[in-house]
Amino acid sequence: MGVITDPIADMLTRIRNANTAFAERVDIPASRVKVELAKLLKAEGFIKGFDVVSQQPRDVIRISLKYGIGRERVINGLQRISRPGLRIYTPKGEIPKCLGGLGLVVMSTPKGIISGKQAKRLGCGGEVMAFVW
């Protein structure tokens, strides 16, 4: 495998591809930021759960995807907003909404990786990492 310049975009793409194929789980190379992102997705109800599995040469995050009763997808879309070539930062008063507040805005703030609603409640701005709906 080659060098990945944007590991967050790679994680979102792996989840998107597994979700499209109705896969039960997906393995992603682990890092602290990706674990925090997986925690946020679990807390917001977009995934069933995740485990950090020790493997050689590197640990992986095993994410269990979530589907509805009639096999409808819980995650309908994932979009990377801020990227290595163009970072998108927002102040506390201008935090964007995803789907008019129905989606999840993933933000990297001084308080950690949190949702846009939490960032608004805590009164802190930061980098807008992704939208999930």
N, C-alpha and C. Protein backbone atom coordinates (compact mmCIF):
# COMPACT_ATOMS: atom_id res chain seq x y z
N MET A 1 0.84 -1.18 0.00
CA MET A 1 0.00 0.00 0.00
C MET A 1 0.89 1.24 0.00
N GLY A 2 0.46 2.25 -0.72
CA GLY A 2 1.22 3.48 -0.81
C GLY A 2 1.00 4.38 0.39
N VAL A 3 1.60 5.54 0.32
CA VAL A 3 1.49 6.52 1.40
C VAL A 3 0.13 7.21 1.29
N ILE A 4 -0.57 7.29 2.40
CA ILE A 4 -1.87 7.96 2.42
C ILE A 4 -1.65 9.38 2.93
N THR A 5 -2.01 10.36 2.10
CA THR A 5 -1.77 11.76 2.49
C THR A 5 -2.89 12.31 3.36
N ASP A 6 -4.08 11.72 3.29
CA ASP A 6 -5.20 12.18 4.10
C ASP A 6 -5.87 10.97 4.76
N PRO A 7 -5.40 10.58 5.95
CA PRO A 7 -5.94 9.38 6.60
C PRO A 7 -7.40 9.48 7.00
N ILE A 8 -7.90 10.69 7.29
CA ILE A 8 -9.31 10.84 7.66
C ILE A 8 -10.19 10.60 6.43
N ALA A 9 -9.80 11.14 5.29
CA ALA A 9 -10.54 10.89 4.05
C ALA A 9 -10.52 9.41 3.70
N ASP A 10 -9.39 8.74 3.94
CA ASP A 10 -9.29 7.30 3.70
C ASP A 10 -10.26 6.55 4.60
N MET A 11 -10.36 6.94 5.87
CA MET A 11 -11.28 6.29 6.80
C MET A 11 -12.73 6.47 6.33
N LEU A 12 -13.09 7.70 5.97
CA LEU A 12 -14.45 7.96 5.52
C LEU A 12 -14.77 7.19 4.24
N THR A 13 -13.81 7.09 3.33
CA THR A 13 -14.01 6.35 2.09
C THR A 13 -14.19 4.87 2.35
N ARG A 14 -13.42 4.31 3.27
CA ARG A 14 -13.58 2.89 3.60
C ARG A 14 -14.95 2.61 4.21
N ILE A 15 -15.41 3.51 5.09
CA ILE A 15 -16.75 3.35 5.68
C ILE A 15 -17.82 3.48 4.60
N ARG A 16 -17.67 4.48 3.72
CA ARG A 16 -18.64 4.70 2.64
C ARG A 16 -18.72 3.48 1.72
N ASN A 17 -17.56 2.91 1.34
CA ASN A 17 -17.55 1.76 0.45
C ASN A 17 -18.15 0.52 1.11
N ALA A 18 -17.83 0.28 2.38
CA ALA A 18 -18.39 -0.86 3.09
C ALA A 18 -19.89 -0.70 3.28
N ASN A 19 -20.34 0.52 3.53
CA ASN A 19 -21.76 0.80 3.70
C ASN A 19 -22.51 0.57 2.39
N THR A 20 -21.93 0.97 1.27
CA THR A 20 -22.54 0.76 -0.03
C THR A 20 -22.67 -0.72 -0.35
N ALA A 21 -21.70 -1.52 0.08
CA ALA A 21 -21.71 -2.96 -0.17
C ALA A 21 -22.47 -3.75 0.90
N PHE A 22 -23.11 -3.05 1.86
CA PHE A 22 -23.82 -3.68 2.97
C PHE A 22 -22.93 -4.63 3.77
N ALA A 23 -21.67 -4.26 3.95
CA ALA A 23 -20.74 -5.07 4.75
C ALA A 23 -21.10 -4.92 6.23
N GLU A 24 -20.84 -5.96 6.99
CA GLU A 24 -21.13 -5.92 8.43
C GLU A 24 -20.06 -5.13 9.18
N ARG A 25 -18.81 -5.21 8.72
CA ARG A 25 -17.73 -4.52 9.41
C ARG A 25 -16.67 -4.08 8.40
N VAL A 26 -15.82 -3.16 8.85
CA VAL A 26 -14.73 -2.66 8.02
C VAL A 26 -13.51 -2.44 8.91
N ASP A 27 -12.33 -2.79 8.40
CA ASP A 27 -11.07 -2.60 9.13
C ASP A 27 -10.35 -1.37 8.58
N ILE A 28 -9.86 -0.54 9.51
CA ILE A 28 -9.19 0.71 9.16
C ILE A 28 -7.90 0.79 9.96
N PRO A 29 -6.77 1.19 9.37
CA PRO A 29 -5.54 1.38 10.16
C PRO A 29 -5.79 2.37 11.30
N ALA A 30 -5.30 2.04 12.49
CA ALA A 30 -5.63 2.81 13.68
C ALA A 30 -4.72 4.02 13.88
N SER A 31 -5.31 5.06 14.45
CA SER A 31 -4.59 6.21 14.97
C SER A 31 -5.49 6.84 16.03
N ARG A 32 -4.94 7.73 16.84
CA ARG A 32 -5.74 8.34 17.91
C ARG A 32 -6.90 9.16 17.35
N VAL A 33 -6.65 9.90 16.29
CA VAL A 33 -7.70 10.74 15.70
C VAL A 33 -8.83 9.86 15.16
N LYS A 34 -8.48 8.76 14.51
CA LYS A 34 -9.50 7.87 13.96
C LYS A 34 -10.31 7.19 15.06
N VAL A 35 -9.67 6.86 16.17
CA VAL A 35 -10.40 6.27 17.31
C VAL A 35 -11.37 7.29 17.87
N GLU A 36 -10.96 8.54 18.00
CA GLU A 36 -11.86 9.58 18.51
C GLU A 36 -13.02 9.81 17.54
N LEU A 37 -12.77 9.75 16.25
CA LEU A 37 -13.83 9.89 15.26
C LEU A 37 -14.81 8.72 15.35
N ALA A 38 -14.28 7.51 15.54
CA ALA A 38 -15.14 6.34 15.70
C ALA A 38 -15.99 6.45 16.97
N LYS A 39 -15.41 6.98 18.06
CA LYS A 39 -16.17 7.19 19.30
C LYS A 39 -17.34 8.15 19.05
N LEU A 40 -17.08 9.21 18.30
CA LEU A 40 -18.12 10.19 18.01
C LEU A 40 -19.22 9.56 17.15
N LEU A 41 -18.85 8.78 16.13
CA LEU A 41 -19.85 8.12 15.29
C LEU A 41 -20.69 7.14 16.10
N LYS A 42 -20.08 6.45 17.06
CA LYS A 42 -20.82 5.53 17.93
C LYS A 42 -21.77 6.31 18.84
N ALA A 43 -21.28 7.39 19.44
CA ALA A 43 -22.11 8.18 20.35
C ALA A 43 -23.30 8.80 19.64
N GLU A 44 -23.14 9.16 18.37
CA GLU A 44 -24.23 9.78 17.62
C GLU A 44 -25.14 8.74 16.96
N GLY A 45 -24.81 7.44 17.07
CA GLY A 45 -25.69 6.38 16.58
C GLY A 45 -25.52 6.02 15.12
N PHE A 46 -24.40 6.39 14.50
CA PHE A 46 -24.18 6.06 13.10
C PHE A 46 -23.56 4.68 12.90
N ILE A 47 -22.88 4.14 13.92
CA ILE A 47 -22.30 2.79 13.83
C ILE A 47 -22.70 2.01 15.08
N LYS A 48 -22.65 0.66 14.97
CA LYS A 48 -22.96 -0.20 16.12
C LYS A 48 -21.89 -0.09 17.18
N GLY A 49 -20.64 -0.18 16.74
CA GLY A 49 -19.54 -0.14 17.68
C GLY A 49 -18.22 -0.28 16.96
N PHE A 50 -17.15 -0.31 17.73
CA PHE A 50 -15.82 -0.47 17.15
C PHE A 50 -14.90 -1.09 18.19
N ASP A 51 -13.86 -1.75 17.73
CA ASP A 51 -12.81 -2.32 18.57
C ASP A 51 -11.47 -1.99 17.95
N VAL A 52 -10.48 -1.79 18.79
CA VAL A 52 -9.11 -1.62 18.32
C VAL A 52 -8.45 -2.99 18.44
N VAL A 53 -8.07 -3.57 17.30
CA VAL A 53 -7.51 -4.92 17.24
C VAL A 53 -6.02 -4.82 16.97
N SER A 54 -5.22 -5.52 17.80
CA SER A 54 -3.77 -5.53 17.60
C SER A 54 -3.42 -6.53 16.50
N GLN A 55 -2.79 -6.03 15.45
CA GLN A 55 -2.32 -6.86 14.35
C GLN A 55 -0.94 -6.40 13.95
N GLN A 56 -0.24 -7.23 13.24
CA GLN A 56 1.05 -6.83 12.70
C GLN A 56 0.86 -6.36 11.28
N PRO A 57 1.47 -5.37 10.80
CA PRO A 57 2.47 -4.52 11.43
C PRO A 57 1.86 -3.36 12.19
N ARG A 58 0.53 -3.23 12.20
CA ARG A 58 -0.11 -2.05 12.78
C ARG A 58 -1.48 -2.42 13.32
N ASP A 59 -1.91 -1.73 14.38
CA ASP A 59 -3.25 -1.95 14.93
C ASP A 59 -4.30 -1.47 13.93
N VAL A 60 -5.49 -2.10 13.99
CA VAL A 60 -6.59 -1.68 13.14
C VAL A 60 -7.82 -1.40 13.99
N ILE A 61 -8.68 -0.54 13.49
CA ILE A 61 -9.97 -0.27 14.11
C ILE A 61 -10.99 -1.08 13.32
N ARG A 62 -11.70 -1.97 14.01
CA ARG A 62 -12.73 -2.79 13.37
C ARG A 62 -14.08 -2.16 13.70
N ILE A 63 -14.70 -1.54 12.70
CA ILE A 63 -15.97 -0.83 12.88
C ILE A 63 -17.11 -1.72 12.43
N SER A 64 -18.11 -1.89 13.30
CA SER A 64 -19.33 -2.64 12.95
C SER A 64 -20.36 -1.64 12.47
N LEU A 65 -20.77 -1.79 11.22
CA LEU A 65 -21.73 -0.85 10.63
C LEU A 65 -23.15 -1.18 11.08
N LYS A 66 -24.00 -0.17 11.02
CA LYS A 66 -25.37 -0.28 11.51
C LYS A 66 -26.34 -0.11 10.34
N TYR A 67 -27.37 -0.97 10.31
CA TYR A 67 -28.40 -0.89 9.29
C TYR A 67 -29.76 -0.94 9.96
N GLY A 68 -30.79 -0.44 9.27
CA GLY A 68 -32.14 -0.44 9.81
C GLY A 68 -32.80 -1.80 9.67
N ILE A 69 -34.06 -1.87 10.05
CA ILE A 69 -34.80 -3.13 10.04
C ILE A 69 -34.92 -3.70 8.63
N GLY A 70 -35.23 -2.89 7.66
CA GLY A 70 -35.36 -3.35 6.29
C GLY A 70 -34.07 -3.24 5.50
N ARG A 71 -32.93 -3.33 6.17
CA ARG A 71 -31.59 -3.19 5.57
C ARG A 71 -31.37 -1.81 4.95
N GLU A 72 -32.07 -0.79 5.45
CA GLU A 72 -31.79 0.56 4.98
C GLU A 72 -30.55 1.07 5.71
N ARG A 73 -29.79 1.88 5.02
CA ARG A 73 -28.54 2.37 5.56
C ARG A 73 -28.79 3.46 6.60
N VAL A 74 -28.05 3.40 7.69
CA VAL A 74 -28.10 4.46 8.70
C VAL A 74 -27.25 5.64 8.23
N ILE A 75 -26.09 5.34 7.63
CA ILE A 75 -25.22 6.38 7.07
C ILE A 75 -25.59 6.54 5.60
N ASN A 76 -26.16 7.69 5.26
CA ASN A 76 -26.52 7.94 3.87
C ASN A 76 -25.43 8.70 3.12
N GLY A 77 -24.57 9.39 3.85
CA GLY A 77 -23.50 10.13 3.20
C GLY A 77 -22.41 10.55 4.17
N LEU A 78 -21.19 10.60 3.64
CA LEU A 78 -20.02 11.07 4.38
C LEU A 78 -19.28 12.02 3.45
N GLN A 79 -18.92 13.19 3.95
CA GLN A 79 -18.21 14.15 3.11
C GLN A 79 -17.09 14.79 3.90
N ARG A 80 -15.88 14.73 3.37
CA ARG A 80 -14.72 15.37 3.97
C ARG A 80 -14.77 16.84 3.60
N ILE A 81 -14.68 17.72 4.59
CA ILE A 81 -14.75 19.15 4.34
C ILE A 81 -13.35 19.76 4.32
N SER A 82 -12.67 19.73 5.46
CA SER A 82 -11.32 20.26 5.54
C SER A 82 -10.36 19.18 5.07
N ARG A 83 -9.41 19.56 4.24
CA ARG A 83 -8.47 18.58 3.71
C ARG A 83 -7.06 19.15 3.82
N PRO A 84 -6.03 18.34 3.61
CA PRO A 84 -4.67 18.85 3.78
C PRO A 84 -4.33 20.06 2.90
N GLY A 85 -4.87 20.13 1.70
CA GLY A 85 -4.58 21.26 0.82
C GLY A 85 -5.40 22.49 1.09
N LEU A 86 -6.51 22.35 1.83
CA LEU A 86 -7.38 23.48 2.11
C LEU A 86 -8.07 23.23 3.45
N ARG A 87 -7.50 23.76 4.50
CA ARG A 87 -8.07 23.62 5.83
C ARG A 87 -9.22 24.60 5.99
N ILE A 88 -10.32 24.14 6.58
CA ILE A 88 -11.50 24.97 6.80
C ILE A 88 -11.69 25.12 8.31
N TYR A 89 -11.52 26.34 8.79
CA TYR A 89 -11.71 26.65 10.21
C TYR A 89 -12.92 27.56 10.36
N THR A 90 -13.59 27.45 11.49
CA THR A 90 -14.76 28.27 11.73
C THR A 90 -14.75 28.78 13.16
N PRO A 91 -15.15 30.03 13.36
CA PRO A 91 -15.26 30.54 14.74
C PRO A 91 -16.50 29.97 15.42
N LYS A 92 -16.61 30.20 16.72
CA LYS A 92 -17.68 29.59 17.50
C LYS A 92 -19.08 30.05 17.07
N GLY A 93 -19.20 31.24 16.53
CA GLY A 93 -20.50 31.75 16.15
C GLY A 93 -20.95 31.36 14.76
N GLU A 94 -20.08 30.74 13.96
CA GLU A 94 -20.41 30.41 12.57
C GLU A 94 -20.29 28.92 12.27
N ILE A 95 -20.58 28.07 13.25
CA ILE A 95 -20.48 26.63 13.06
C ILE A 95 -21.58 26.19 12.09
N PRO A 96 -21.22 25.51 10.99
CA PRO A 96 -22.21 25.15 9.98
C PRO A 96 -23.15 24.04 10.47
N LYS A 97 -24.26 23.88 9.75
CA LYS A 97 -25.20 22.80 10.01
C LYS A 97 -25.18 21.86 8.81
N CYS A 98 -25.39 20.59 9.07
CA CYS A 98 -25.46 19.58 8.01
C CYS A 98 -26.92 19.15 7.89
N LEU A 99 -27.49 19.27 6.71
CA LEU A 99 -28.90 18.95 6.44
C LEU A 99 -29.83 19.70 7.39
N GLY A 100 -29.58 20.96 7.60
CA GLY A 100 -30.43 21.77 8.45
C GLY A 100 -30.44 21.34 9.91
N GLY A 101 -29.36 20.72 10.36
CA GLY A 101 -29.26 20.28 11.74
C GLY A 101 -29.55 18.80 11.94
N LEU A 102 -29.96 18.08 10.90
CA LEU A 102 -30.25 16.65 11.02
C LEU A 102 -29.00 15.79 10.90
N GLY A 103 -27.97 16.28 10.25
CA GLY A 103 -26.73 15.54 10.09
C GLY A 103 -25.74 15.88 11.19
N LEU A 104 -24.58 15.26 11.11
CA LEU A 104 -23.52 15.45 12.09
C LEU A 104 -22.39 16.25 11.47
N VAL A 105 -21.97 17.29 12.17
CA VAL A 105 -20.79 18.06 11.78
C VAL A 105 -19.67 17.61 12.70
N VAL A 106 -18.60 17.04 12.14
CA VAL A 106 -17.46 16.58 12.92
C VAL A 106 -16.43 17.70 12.96
N MET A 107 -16.07 18.12 14.17
CA MET A 107 -15.13 19.24 14.33
C MET A 107 -13.95 18.84 15.21
N SER A 108 -12.79 19.36 14.86
CA SER A 108 -11.61 19.21 15.69
C SER A 108 -11.40 20.54 16.41
N THR A 109 -11.53 20.51 17.72
CA THR A 109 -11.46 21.73 18.53
C THR A 109 -10.40 21.55 19.61
N PRO A 110 -10.11 22.60 20.37
CA PRO A 110 -9.21 22.43 21.52
C PRO A 110 -9.76 21.47 22.57
N LYS A 111 -11.05 21.21 22.55
CA LYS A 111 -11.69 20.27 23.48
C LYS A 111 -11.66 18.84 22.95
N GLY A 112 -11.11 18.62 21.76
CA GLY A 112 -11.06 17.29 21.15
C GLY A 112 -11.94 17.23 19.91
N ILE A 113 -12.15 16.02 19.41
CA ILE A 113 -13.01 15.83 18.25
C ILE A 113 -14.44 15.68 18.76
N ILE A 114 -15.27 16.67 18.42
CA ILE A 114 -16.64 16.70 18.93
C ILE A 114 -17.60 17.08 17.79
N SER A 115 -18.88 16.96 18.06
CA SER A 115 -19.89 17.34 17.07
C SER A 115 -20.04 18.86 17.05
N GLY A 116 -20.65 19.36 15.97
CA GLY A 116 -20.89 20.80 15.86
C GLY A 116 -21.81 21.31 16.95
N LYS A 117 -22.80 20.50 17.34
CA LYS A 117 -23.71 20.90 18.41
C LYS A 117 -22.98 21.04 19.74
N GLN A 118 -22.08 20.10 20.03
CA GLN A 118 -21.29 20.17 21.27
C GLN A 118 -20.38 21.39 21.23
N ALA A 119 -19.78 21.66 20.08
CA ALA A 119 -18.88 22.82 19.95
C ALA A 119 -19.65 24.11 20.18
N LYS A 120 -20.87 24.18 19.67
CA LYS A 120 -21.70 25.38 19.87
C LYS A 120 -22.05 25.53 21.35
N ARG A 121 -22.37 24.40 22.00
CA ARG A 121 -22.73 24.41 23.42
C ARG A 121 -21.53 24.82 24.27
N LEU A 122 -20.32 24.33 23.92
CA LEU A 122 -19.11 24.64 24.68
C LEU A 122 -18.54 26.02 24.32
N GLY A 123 -19.00 26.57 23.21
CA GLY A 123 -18.53 27.89 22.80
C GLY A 123 -17.12 27.89 22.26
N CYS A 124 -16.81 26.89 21.45
CA CYS A 124 -15.46 26.86 20.85
C CYS A 124 -15.57 26.54 19.36
N GLY A 125 -14.74 27.18 18.58
CA GLY A 125 -14.65 26.93 17.16
C GLY A 125 -13.55 25.94 16.87
N GLY A 126 -13.27 25.71 15.61
CA GLY A 126 -12.21 24.79 15.25
C GLY A 126 -12.27 24.41 13.78
N GLU A 127 -11.63 23.30 13.46
CA GLU A 127 -11.58 22.81 12.09
C GLU A 127 -12.80 21.95 11.80
N VAL A 128 -13.48 22.25 10.71
CA VAL A 128 -14.63 21.45 10.28
C VAL A 128 -14.08 20.27 9.49
N MET A 129 -14.08 19.08 10.10
CA MET A 129 -13.47 17.92 9.46
C MET A 129 -14.37 17.24 8.43
N ALA A 130 -15.64 16.99 8.80
CA ALA A 130 -16.51 16.21 7.91
C ALA A 130 -17.97 16.43 8.25
N PHE A 131 -18.80 16.07 7.29
CA PHE A 131 -20.26 15.99 7.47
C PHE A 131 -20.66 14.53 7.35
N VAL A 132 -21.58 14.09 8.22
CA VAL A 132 -22.12 12.73 8.15
C VAL A 132 -23.64 12.87 8.23
N TRP A 133 -24.34 12.21 7.31
CA TRP A 133 -25.80 12.23 7.35
C TRP A 133 -26.36 10.90 6.94
